[in-house]
Every structure is written in structure tokens, then in C-alpha cells.
Protein backbone atom coordinates (compact mmCIF):
# COMPACT_ATOMS: atom_id res chain seq x y z
CA MET A 1 0.00 0.00 0.00
CA ASN A 2 1.41 3.39 -0.94
CA PRO A 3 1.56 6.31 1.52
CA MET A 4 -1.41 8.09 -0.08
CA GLU A 5 -3.68 5.08 0.30
CA GLU A 6 -2.52 4.56 3.88
CA ALA A 7 -3.22 8.21 4.76
CA GLU A 8 -6.72 7.99 3.25
CA ARG A 9 -7.44 4.79 5.17
CA GLU A 10 -6.28 6.36 8.44
CA LYS A 11 -8.36 9.46 7.74
CA ALA A 12 -11.43 7.29 7.20
CA ASN A 13 -10.78 5.41 10.45
CA VAL A 14 -10.48 8.64 12.45
CA SER A 15 -13.64 10.13 11.01
CA SER A 16 -15.62 6.94 11.65
CA CYS A 17 -15.26 7.24 15.45
CA HIS A 18 -18.74 8.07 16.65
CA LEU A 19 -17.79 8.29 20.32
CA ALA A 20 -14.79 10.61 19.92
CA PRO A 21 -16.65 13.89 20.65
CA ILE A 22 -18.39 12.32 23.64
CA PHE A 23 -15.07 10.96 24.91
CA ALA A 24 -13.48 14.41 24.59
CA ASP A 25 -16.27 16.02 26.64
CA ILE A 26 -16.10 13.34 29.32
CA MET A 27 -12.33 13.66 29.67
CA ARG A 28 -12.52 17.46 29.73
CA GLN A 29 -15.14 17.42 32.49
CA GLY A 30 -13.64 14.46 34.32
CA GLN A 31 -17.05 12.93 34.85
CA ILE A 32 -19.74 10.89 33.14
CA ALA A 33 -23.42 10.68 34.05
CA PHE A 34 -24.47 7.36 35.53
CA ALA A 35 -27.14 6.90 32.81
CA ASP A 36 -24.55 7.38 30.05
CA TRP A 37 -22.09 5.08 31.82
CA HIS A 38 -24.74 2.39 32.24
CA GLU A 39 -25.74 2.68 28.59
CA LEU A 40 -22.14 2.21 27.44
CA MET A 41 -21.55 -0.74 29.76
CA THR A 42 -24.73 -2.56 28.74
CA ALA A 43 -24.51 -1.85 25.01
CA PRO A 44 -24.17 -5.04 22.97
CA TRP A 45 -20.69 -5.50 21.50
CA ASP A 46 -21.83 -6.29 18.01
CA SER A 47 -21.00 -4.78 14.67
CA SER A 48 -22.39 -1.37 15.72
CA PHE A 49 -19.01 -0.49 17.28
CA ASN A 50 -15.93 -0.20 15.12
CA SER A 51 -12.44 -0.70 16.52
CA CYS A 52 -12.04 3.02 17.24
CA ASP A 53 -15.23 3.09 19.31
CA GLU A 54 -14.15 -0.06 21.15
CA ASP A 55 -10.83 1.63 22.01
CA ILE A 56 -12.70 4.67 23.36
CA ILE A 57 -14.92 2.51 25.56
CA THR A 58 -11.86 0.68 26.84
CA ARG A 59 -10.20 4.00 27.68
CA LEU A 60 -13.33 5.19 29.50
CA ILE A 61 -13.41 1.99 31.56
CA TYR A 62 -9.75 2.50 32.39
CA GLY A 63 -10.37 6.15 33.30
CA VAL A 64 -13.21 5.26 35.67
CA HIS A 65 -11.24 2.38 37.17
CA ARG A 66 -8.21 4.60 37.84
CA GLY A 67 -10.25 7.53 39.17
CA LEU A 68 -9.57 9.84 36.23
CA VAL A 69 -13.29 9.95 35.41
CA LYS A 70 -16.03 9.97 38.02
CA VAL A 71 -19.46 8.48 37.47
CA VAL A 72 -21.98 10.97 38.83
CA GLU A 73 -25.73 11.06 39.30
CA GLU A 74 -27.55 13.67 37.29
CA PRO A 75 -29.52 16.18 39.37
């Protein structure tokens, strides 16, 4: 694969991340609502998530586990 094709493929992978903006907001705030957290944790791991989205969910789990992100109740 030539460098142009590789760059186009990487660009397509980055733009196909549906959870990236949500992840950015969560990390900026340092918290996630319990309802959103529960929805992510109970979502079926089928073909609806691409590898980029799976990586983001894994990072969120890690962030909550390590205390970087707090799960909070919504008022």
C-alpha cells in the first residue's frame, strides 16, 4: 500500500469514530453521568461499534477504574 492510500485509510478510520466527541467532553469534564455510563456498559458489543469506538470505551473503563473519570448522578 502506498503512503497516499494509507493516509486515506487512516483518515477514514479517524472520522468513523462516533464516540470521539463524547469521549473528549467526558475527559474534559472528568465525569460521566451514571445513565450514560450504564448505557455504554450494557450496550451489545456487536457490529455497531468499530475498533475506534471499542478503544474509546476501553479508555473510558480505564479512566473510571483509575479515578480519572467519576461516574456521577444527574440532578
